[in-house]
PDB file of all heavy atoms in Angstrom:
ATOM      1  N   LEU A   1     -15.851  81.456 160.437  1.00  0.00           N
ATOM      2  CA  LEU A   1     -15.344  81.644 159.087  1.00  0.00           C
ATOM      3  C   LEU A   1     -15.193  80.300 158.379  1.00  0.00           C
ATOM      4  O   LEU A   1     -14.856  79.291 158.996  1.00  0.00           O
ATOM      5  CB  LEU A   1     -14.000  82.356 159.132  1.00  0.00           C
ATOM      6  CG  LEU A   1     -14.008  83.764 159.730  1.00  0.00           C
ATOM      7  CD1 LEU A   1     -12.592  84.298 159.855  1.00  0.00           C
ATOM      8  CD2 LEU A   1     -14.863  84.704 158.900  1.00  0.00           C
ATOM      9  N   GLY A   2     -15.414  80.303 157.067  1.00  0.00           N
ATOM     10  CA  GLY A   2     -15.366  79.073 156.278  1.00  0.00           C
ATOM     11  C   GLY A   2     -14.067  78.300 156.397  1.00  0.00           C
ATOM     12  O   GLY A   2     -14.068  77.080 156.556  1.00  0.00           O
ATOM     13  N   MET A   3     -12.924  79.013 156.341  1.00  0.00           N
ATOM     14  CA  MET A   3     -11.626  78.341 156.428  1.00  0.00           C
ATOM     15  C   MET A   3     -11.462  77.671 157.798  1.00  0.00           C
ATOM     16  O   MET A   3     -10.977  76.547 157.907  1.00  0.00           O
ATOM     17  CB  MET A   3     -10.504  79.361 156.218  1.00  0.00           C
ATOM     18  CG  MET A   3      -9.107  78.788 156.339  1.00  0.00           C
ATOM     19  SD  MET A   3      -7.833  80.053 156.305  1.00  0.00           S
ATOM     20  CE  MET A   3      -8.022  80.783 157.916  1.00  0.00           C
ATOM     21  N   MET A   4     -11.895  78.371 158.852  1.00  0.00           N
ATOM     22  CA  MET A   4     -11.791  77.827 160.196  1.00  0.00           C
ATOM     23  C   MET A   4     -12.725  76.618 160.352  1.00  0.00           C
ATOM     24  O   MET A   4     -12.332  75.595 160.910  1.00  0.00           O
ATOM     25  CB  MET A   4     -12.170  78.921 161.211  1.00  0.00           C
ATOM     26  CG  MET A   4     -11.859  78.579 162.622  1.00  0.00           C
ATOM     27  SD  MET A   4     -12.389  79.832 163.841  1.00  0.00           S
ATOM     28  CE  MET A   4     -12.419  81.361 162.967  1.00  0.00           C
ATOM     29  N   LYS A   5     -13.945  76.737 159.829  1.00  0.00           N
ATOM     30  CA  LYS A   5     -14.896  75.630 159.920  1.00  0.00           C
ATOM     31  C   LYS A   5     -14.374  74.402 159.185  1.00  0.00           C
ATOM     32  O   LYS A   5     -14.444  73.286 159.692  1.00  0.00           O
ATOM     33  CB  LYS A   5     -16.261  76.042 159.361  1.00  0.00           C
ATOM     34  CG  LYS A   5     -17.337  75.015 159.675  1.00  0.00           C
ATOM     35  CD  LYS A   5     -18.676  75.223 159.000  1.00  0.00           C
ATOM     36  CE  LYS A   5     -19.261  76.558 159.042  1.00  0.00           C
ATOM     37  NZ  LYS A   5     -20.617  76.591 158.431  1.00  0.00           N
ATOM     38  N   LYS A   6     -13.815  74.616 157.987  1.00  0.00           N
ATOM     39  CA  LYS A   6     -13.260  73.500 157.222  1.00  0.00           C
ATOM     40  C   LYS A   6     -12.152  72.807 158.006  1.00  0.00           C
ATOM     41  O   LYS A   6     -12.122  71.579 158.110  1.00  0.00           O
ATOM     42  CB  LYS A   6     -12.729  73.968 155.868  1.00  0.00           C
ATOM     43  CG  LYS A   6     -12.155  72.832 155.032  1.00  0.00           C
ATOM     44  CD  LYS A   6     -11.534  73.325 153.755  1.00  0.00           C
ATOM     45  CE  LYS A   6     -10.961  72.229 152.902  1.00  0.00           C
ATOM     46  NZ  LYS A   6     -10.360  71.090 153.553  1.00  0.00           N
ATOM     47  N   SER A   7     -11.263  73.581 158.583  1.00  0.00           N
ATOM     48  CA  SER A   7     -10.154  73.026 159.350  1.00  0.00           C
ATOM     49  C   SER A   7     -10.653  72.215 160.553  1.00  0.00           C
ATOM     50  O   SER A   7     -10.221  71.086 160.783  1.00  0.00           O
ATOM     51  CB  SER A   7      -9.232  74.157 159.812  1.00  0.00           C
ATOM     52  OG  SER A   7      -8.209  73.659 160.627  1.00  0.00           O
ATOM     53  N   VAL A   8     -11.576  72.796 161.319  1.00  0.00           N
ATOM     54  CA  VAL A   8     -12.115  72.106 162.500  1.00  0.00           C
ATOM     55  C   VAL A   8     -12.800  70.807 162.088  1.00  0.00           C
ATOM     56  O   VAL A   8     -12.576  69.750 162.690  1.00  0.00           O
ATOM     57  CB  VAL A   8     -13.081  73.019 163.286  1.00  0.00           C
ATOM     58  CG1 VAL A   8     -13.893  72.225 164.306  1.00  0.00           C
ATOM     59  CG2 VAL A   8     -12.313  74.149 163.964  1.00  0.00           C
ATOM     60  N   PHE A   9     -13.621  70.855 161.046  1.00  0.00           N
ATOM     61  CA  PHE A   9     -14.335  69.646 160.637  1.00  0.00           C
ATOM     62  C   PHE A   9     -13.411  68.618 159.991  1.00  0.00           C
ATOM     63  O   PHE A   9     -13.662  67.418 160.109  1.00  0.00           O
ATOM     64  CB  PHE A   9     -15.560  69.986 159.780  1.00  0.00           C
ATOM     65  CG  PHE A   9     -16.748  70.340 160.621  1.00  0.00           C
ATOM     66  CD1 PHE A   9     -16.999  71.657 160.983  1.00  0.00           C
ATOM     67  CD2 PHE A   9     -17.579  69.351 161.122  1.00  0.00           C
ATOM     68  CE1 PHE A   9     -18.072  71.979 161.797  1.00  0.00           C
ATOM     69  CE2 PHE A   9     -18.654  69.656 161.938  1.00  0.00           C
ATOM     70  CZ  PHE A   9     -18.903  70.980 162.280  1.00  0.00           C
ATOM     71  N   ASP A  10     -12.334  69.043 159.363  1.00  0.00           N
ATOM     72  CA  ASP A  10     -11.341  68.079 158.871  1.00  0.00           C
ATOM     73  C   ASP A  10     -10.737  67.307 160.051  1.00  0.00           C
ATOM     74  O   ASP A  10     -10.472  66.109 159.950  1.00  0.00           O
ATOM     75  CB  ASP A  10     -10.233  68.781 158.089  1.00  0.00           C
ATOM     76  CG  ASP A  10     -10.658  69.215 156.686  1.00  0.00           C
ATOM     77  OD1 ASP A  10     -11.751  68.806 156.236  1.00  0.00           O
ATOM     78  OD2 ASP A  10      -9.899  69.988 156.064  1.00  0.00           O
ATOM     79  N   ILE A  11     -10.527  67.990 161.171  1.00  0.00           N
ATOM     80  CA  ILE A  11      -9.953  67.360 162.360  1.00  0.00           C
ATOM     81  C   ILE A  11     -10.927  66.382 163.011  1.00  0.00           C
ATOM     82  O   ILE A  11     -10.550  65.284 163.412  1.00  0.00           O
ATOM     83  CB  ILE A  11      -9.511  68.441 163.379  1.00  0.00           C
ATOM     84  CG1 ILE A  11      -8.332  69.249 162.810  1.00  0.00           C
ATOM     85  CG2 ILE A  11      -9.139  67.817 164.728  1.00  0.00           C
ATOM     86  CD1 ILE A  11      -8.040  70.541 163.553  1.00  0.00           C
ATOM     87  N   ILE A  12     -12.218  66.751 163.091  1.00  0.00           N
ATOM     88  CA  ILE A  12     -13.178  65.927 163.864  1.00  0.00           C
ATOM     89  C   ILE A  12     -13.998  64.953 163.022  1.00  0.00           C
ATOM     90  O   ILE A  12     -14.739  64.145 163.584  1.00  0.00           O
ATOM     91  CB  ILE A  12     -14.120  66.803 164.716  1.00  0.00           C
ATOM     92  CG1 ILE A  12     -15.067  67.635 163.838  1.00  0.00           C
ATOM     93  CG2 ILE A  12     -13.323  67.659 165.682  1.00  0.00           C
ATOM     94  CD1 ILE A  12     -16.177  68.326 164.609  1.00  0.00           C
ATOM     95  N   THR A  13     -13.851  64.987 161.701  1.00  0.00           N
ATOM     96  CA  THR A  13     -14.658  64.109 160.846  1.00  0.00           C
ATOM     97  C   THR A  13     -14.648  62.644 161.275  1.00  0.00           C
ATOM     98  O   THR A  13     -15.704  62.008 161.307  1.00  0.00           O
ATOM     99  CB  THR A  13     -14.259  64.266 159.365  1.00  0.00           C
ATOM    100  OG1 THR A  13     -14.694  65.556 158.930  1.00  0.00           O
ATOM    101  CG2 THR A  13     -14.891  63.211 158.484  1.00  0.00           C
ATOM    102  N   PRO A  14     -13.504  62.068 161.666  1.00  0.00           N
ATOM    103  CA  PRO A  14     -13.530  60.652 162.062  1.00  0.00           C
ATOM    104  C   PRO A  14     -14.423  60.369 163.282  1.00  0.00           C
ATOM    105  O   PRO A  14     -14.855  59.241 163.477  1.00  0.00           O
ATOM    106  CB  PRO A  14     -12.062  60.347 162.408  1.00  0.00           C
ATOM    107  CG  PRO A  14     -11.267  61.376 161.682  1.00  0.00           C
ATOM    108  CD  PRO A  14     -12.134  62.596 161.625  1.00  0.00           C
ATOM    109  N   MET A  15     -14.734  61.376 164.076  1.00  0.00           N
ATOM    110  CA  MET A  15     -15.547  61.193 165.282  1.00  0.00           C
ATOM    111  C   MET A  15     -17.034  61.481 165.055  1.00  0.00           C
ATOM    112  O   MET A  15     -17.844  61.225 165.933  1.00  0.00           O
ATOM    113  CB  MET A  15     -15.067  62.132 166.384  1.00  0.00           C
ATOM    114  CG  MET A  15     -13.641  61.937 166.807  1.00  0.00           C
ATOM    115  SD  MET A  15     -13.228  63.104 168.116  1.00  0.00           S
ATOM    116  CE  MET A  15     -14.245  62.476 169.440  1.00  0.00           C
ATOM    117  N   LEU A  16     -17.402  62.055 163.923  1.00  0.00           N
ATOM    118  CA  LEU A  16     -18.753  62.582 163.730  1.00  0.00           C
ATOM    119  C   LEU A  16     -19.834  61.529 163.514  1.00  0.00           C
ATOM    120  O   LEU A  16     -20.952  61.683 163.985  1.00  0.00           O
ATOM    121  CB  LEU A  16     -18.781  63.559 162.560  1.00  0.00           C
ATOM    122  CG  LEU A  16     -18.417  64.993 162.910  1.00  0.00           C
ATOM    123  CD1 LEU A  16     -18.294  65.822 161.648  1.00  0.00           C
ATOM    124  CD2 LEU A  16     -19.409  65.597 163.853  1.00  0.00           C
ATOM    125  N   SER A  17     -19.533  60.480 162.790  1.00  0.00           N
ATOM    126  CA  SER A  17     -20.559  59.510 162.424  1.00  0.00           C
ATOM    127  C   SER A  17     -21.260  58.937 163.659  1.00  0.00           C
ATOM    128  O   SER A  17     -20.635  58.341 164.523  1.00  0.00           O
ATOM    129  CB  SER A  17     -19.940  58.381 161.596  1.00  0.00           C
ATOM    130  OG  SER A  17     -20.953  57.488 161.187  1.00  0.00           O
ATOM    131  N   GLY A  18     -22.563  59.164 163.721  1.00  0.00           N
ATOM    132  CA  GLY A  18     -23.372  58.637 164.821  1.00  0.00           C
ATOM    133  C   GLY A  18     -23.208  59.354 166.149  1.00  0.00           C
ATOM    134  O   GLY A  18     -23.711  58.900 167.175  1.00  0.00           O
ATOM    135  N   SER A  19     -22.535  60.495 166.147  1.00  0.00           N
ATOM    136  CA  SER A  19     -22.237  61.190 167.404  1.00  0.00           C
ATOM    137  C   SER A  19     -23.408  62.010 167.933  1.00  0.00           C
ATOM    138  O   SER A  19     -24.304  62.401 167.190  1.00  0.00           O
ATOM    139  CB  SER A  19     -21.030  62.110 167.226  1.00  0.00           C
ATOM    140  OG  SER A  19     -21.348  63.167 166.330  1.00  0.00           O
ATOM    141  N   LEU A  20     -23.366  62.253 169.232  1.00  0.00           N
ATOM    142  CA  LEU A  20     -24.263  63.194 169.892  1.00  0.00           C
ATOM    143  C   LEU A  20     -23.453  64.474 170.076  1.00  0.00           C
ATOM    144  O   LEU A  20     -22.405  64.473 170.725  1.00  0.00           O
ATOM    145  CB  LEU A  20     -24.745  62.639 171.232  1.00  0.00           C
ATOM    146  CG  LEU A  20     -25.792  63.454 171.984  1.00  0.00           C
ATOM    147  CD1 LEU A  20     -27.019  63.748 171.117  1.00  0.00           C
ATOM    148  CD2 LEU A  20     -26.225  62.705 173.238  1.00  0.00           C
ATOM    149  N   PHE A  21     -23.920  65.569 169.480  1.00  0.00           N
ATOM    150  CA  PHE A  21     -23.160  66.813 169.333  1.00  0.00           C
ATOM    151  C   PHE A  21     -23.907  67.927 170.046  1.00  0.00           C
ATOM    152  O   PHE A  21     -25.108  68.107 169.848  1.00  0.00           O
ATOM    153  CB  PHE A  21     -23.043  67.116 167.835  1.00  0.00           C
ATOM    154  CG  PHE A  21     -22.084  68.204 167.448  1.00  0.00           C
ATOM    155  CD1 PHE A  21     -20.845  67.879 166.918  1.00  0.00           C
ATOM    156  CD2 PHE A  21     -22.427  69.545 167.565  1.00  0.00           C
ATOM    157  CE1 PHE A  21     -19.962  68.882 166.511  1.00  0.00           C
ATOM    158  CE2 PHE A  21     -21.550  70.541 167.169  1.00  0.00           C
ATOM    159  CZ  PHE A  21     -20.311  70.214 166.637  1.00  0.00           C
ATOM    160  N   LEU A  22     -23.219  68.687 170.874  1.00  0.00           N
ATOM    161  CA  LEU A  22     -23.803  69.833 171.570  1.00  0.00           C
ATOM    162  C   LEU A  22     -23.179  71.100 171.018  1.00  0.00           C
ATOM    163  O   LEU A  22     -21.961  71.268 171.047  1.00  0.00           O
ATOM    164  CB  LEU A  22     -23.549  69.727 173.076  1.00  0.00           C
ATOM    165  CG  LEU A  22     -24.032  70.889 173.957  1.00  0.00           C
ATOM    166  CD1 LEU A  22     -25.542  71.103 173.841  1.00  0.00           C
ATOM    167  CD2 LEU A  22     -23.641  70.641 175.416  1.00  0.00           C
ATOM    168  N   ASP A  23     -24.016  72.013 170.505  1.00  0.00           N
ATOM    169  CA  ASP A  23     -23.575  73.282 169.936  1.00  0.00           C
ATOM    170  C   ASP A  23     -23.983  74.401 170.897  1.00  0.00           C
ATOM    171  O   ASP A  23     -25.139  74.817 170.925  1.00  0.00           O
ATOM    172  CB  ASP A  23     -24.216  73.469 168.552  1.00  0.00           C
ATOM    173  CG  ASP A  23     -23.699  74.686 167.795  1.00  0.00           C
ATOM    174  OD1 ASP A  23     -22.912  75.467 168.355  1.00  0.00           O
ATOM    175  OD2 ASP A  23     -24.115  74.854 166.628  1.00  0.00           O
ATOM    176  N   LEU A  24     -23.026  74.849 171.727  1.00  0.00           N
ATOM    177  CA  LEU A  24     -23.282  75.902 172.703  1.00  0.00           C
ATOM    178  C   LEU A  24     -23.060  77.270 172.070  1.00  0.00           C
ATOM    179  O   LEU A  24     -22.122  77.442 171.305  1.00  0.00           O
ATOM    180  CB  LEU A  24     -22.354  75.739 173.911  1.00  0.00           C
ATOM    181  CG  LEU A  24     -22.499  74.443 174.707  1.00  0.00           C
ATOM    182  CD1 LEU A  24     -21.412  74.348 175.775  1.00  0.00           C
ATOM    183  CD2 LEU A  24     -23.881  74.360 175.345  1.00  0.00           C
ATOM    184  N   TYR A  25     -23.901  78.237 172.410  1.00  0.00           N
ATOM    185  CA  TYR A  25     -23.872  79.561 171.778  1.00  0.00           C
ATOM    186  C   TYR A  25     -24.063  79.366 170.274  1.00  0.00           C
ATOM    187  O   TYR A  25     -23.262  79.818 169.456  1.00  0.00           O
ATOM    188  CB  TYR A  25     -22.548  80.288 172.059  1.00  0.00           C
ATOM    189  CG  TYR A  25     -22.178  80.386 173.521  1.00  0.00           C
ATOM    190  CD1 TYR A  25     -21.300  79.469 174.096  1.00  0.00           C
ATOM    191  CD2 TYR A  25     -22.696  81.390 174.324  1.00  0.00           C
ATOM    192  CE1 TYR A  25     -20.945  79.554 175.432  1.00  0.00           C
ATOM    193  CE2 TYR A  25     -22.354  81.483 175.672  1.00  0.00           C
ATOM    194  CZ  TYR A  25     -21.465  80.565 176.208  1.00  0.00           C
ATOM    195  OH  TYR A  25     -21.118  80.655 177.538  1.00  0.00           O
ATOM    196  N   ALA A  26     -25.129  78.706 169.899  1.00  0.00           N
ATOM    197  CA  ALA A  26     -25.306  78.186 168.542  1.00  0.00           C
ATOM    198  C   ALA A  26     -25.476  79.236 167.453  1.00  0.00           C
ATOM    199  O   ALA A  26     -25.287  78.920 166.280  1.00  0.00           O
ATOM    200  CB  ALA A  26     -26.495  77.224 168.515  1.00  0.00           C
ATOM    201  N   GLY A  27     -25.833  80.456 167.790  1.00  0.00           N
ATOM    202  CA  GLY A  27     -26.034  81.463 166.748  1.00  0.00           C
ATOM    203  C   GLY A  27     -27.139  81.041 165.805  1.00  0.00           C
ATOM    204  O   GLY A  27     -28.252  80.751 166.228  1.00  0.00           O
ATOM    205  N   VAL A  28     -26.853  80.966 164.503  1.00  0.00           N
ATOM    206  CA  VAL A  28     -27.857  80.525 163.524  1.00  0.00           C
ATOM    207  C   VAL A  28     -27.776  79.026 163.265  1.00  0.00           C
ATOM    208  O   VAL A  28     -28.481  78.497 162.416  1.00  0.00           O
ATOM    209  CB  VAL A  28     -27.758  81.318 162.194  1.00  0.00           C
ATOM    210  CG1 VAL A  28     -28.010  82.790 162.438  1.00  0.00           C
ATOM    211  CG2 VAL A  28     -26.443  81.083 161.487  1.00  0.00           C
ATOM    212  N   GLY A  29     -26.891  78.332 163.995  1.00  0.00           N
ATOM    213  CA  GLY A  29     -26.829  76.878 163.913  1.00  0.00           C
ATOM    214  C   GLY A  29     -25.871  76.320 162.886  1.00  0.00           C
ATOM    215  O   GLY A  29     -25.882  75.119 162.616  1.00  0.00           O
ATOM    216  N   SER A  30     -25.000  77.144 162.320  1.00  0.00           N
ATOM    217  CA  SER A  30     -24.170  76.665 161.210  1.00  0.00           C
ATOM    218  C   SER A  30     -23.214  75.530 161.597  1.00  0.00           C
ATOM    219  O   SER A  30     -22.999  74.616 160.811  1.00  0.00           O
ATOM    220  CB  SER A  30     -23.385  77.812 160.567  1.00  0.00           C
ATOM    221  OG  SER A  30     -22.360  78.277 161.407  1.00  0.00           O
ATOM    222  N   VAL A  31     -22.669  75.557 162.810  1.00  0.00           N
ATOM    223  CA  VAL A  31     -21.734  74.498 163.213  1.00  0.00           C
ATOM    224  C   VAL A  31     -22.487  73.189 163.455  1.00  0.00           C
ATOM    225  O   VAL A  31     -22.094  72.133 162.954  1.00  0.00           O
ATOM    226  CB  VAL A  31     -20.915  74.928 164.452  1.00  0.00           C
ATOM    227  CG1 VAL A  31     -20.083  73.764 164.983  1.00  0.00           C
ATOM    228  CG2 VAL A  31     -20.017  76.110 164.110  1.00  0.00           C
ATOM    229  N   GLY A  32     -23.578  73.242 164.196  1.00  0.00           N
ATOM    230  CA  GLY A  32     -24.363  72.035 164.448  1.00  0.00           C
ATOM    231  C   GLY A  32     -24.963  71.459 163.181  1.00  0.00           C
ATOM    232  O   GLY A  32     -25.010  70.232 162.997  1.00  0.00           O
TER     233      GLY A  32
END
């Protein structure tokens, strides 16, 4: 859900730049 995604990404944004990210059970890929 959009609200949940916004909250999660607000928390992890400082770690994202240049990161190697693994999206397990990726579905249509929206999180990755």
